[in-house]
Amino acid sequence: MDTVQAIIQQQIEAGTFLQSVQQGQQVQQEQTNYGEEDEYEDEEGTYKGKRSNTLPIWGNQVTMNLNTLVLENIRESYYYKNNLVEIDSFQTLVEQIFYQVKHLEPWEKGTRRLQGMTGMCGGVRGVGAGGVVSSAYCLLYRLFNLRISRKQLISMLNSRQSVYIRGIGFMYIRYTQPPADLWYWLEPYLDDDSEIDPRSGGGDLMTFGQMVRTMINKLDWYGTLFPRIPVPIQKEIDERFAERKKKQLREEDEWQGEMSEKPAEDGEGIGKVLPKVSKCKHHLRHHHCRKHRKNCPAKAKRLHAEKEKNKKEAERMNDK
């Protein structure tokens, strides 16, 4: 009798074998459901509730809120019907994005047919005779039909394989997620200075921060339209933008105050450019990860400075 069988025999004799099995099943179930209902805390540690690993779908559950013309061209495209429909693996779709996607426009360059579009339809954005729909939108729609999970979407947003994997992740959020959740998803990337060129053929290089701002504040996206954000939610987003700007200005003033208090030695500090106030790169990569939470170096440094300041004030009060 080996060691394992001896332990099992002892547990059976003691009447604790079934209890051990049940505990093991419970632990396995908790590991399986890890992240399915996960607590979320923002940068300040405020409890926000639980977020399921199953993503909600806002708006039309079939069309993904796409323009009708774009959707029809996706469904009729050779690439979608003969390649993507058969793919049921998220990882395989991500590999397709890596190899096939070179821009984020709905149409391939030079294929949009506008001849003969006169009258009321001629100047309407998103209306036309169509063209060759882009692989980006075909893959975006296939991801929608696959109903990717929260973890999978986060892995796209933080991907280092291709900027277009990240770009399609942001587009998925803009088309499918509830408007009330847009700030939660996109705000951590407003200072992301990684670059991407969404235009077909190039010529429109921008940072991810600029692209995210465009997605929040504008409906137009290279000839098609994003879903409309309800007016009350848009006002709330605008207010958060204003609060965020005030906070950044206040942090910059505090930094300038700290720099002015330090004496310059041998001309040091003259002509120096103040660092941009933004979240650390670690925070940008892991803002949705429960392991990050209070481990942000920038936050730890700020909390340490506040603690030291409070300590000095307390010592001053005691001296008086």
Foldseek 3Di string as FASTA:
>chain_A
DDPVVVVLVVCVVVVCNVVVVVVVVVVVVCVVQVLQWDWAAAQVRDTDGTHGQQAAFPDDLQQLQWQPLLSVLLVPAPCLVPPLVPDLDLVVLLVCCLPFDQAAAQAAPPFFDAPPQDDPQNPDFPDGPGGRTGPLVSSLVSCSVSRHTPVSLLCQCQPPSDVSSNVSSLVNCQSTHALLCLCVPQVQCLPAQCWDARDNVGDRIGGVNVVSVCSLPHQDDNRTGTDDHDPVSNVVVVVVVVVVVVVQVVVVVVVVVVVVVDDDDPCPPPPDDDDRDHFDPVCSSDVRPPVCRNVGPVNVVVVVVVVVVVVVVVVVVVVD
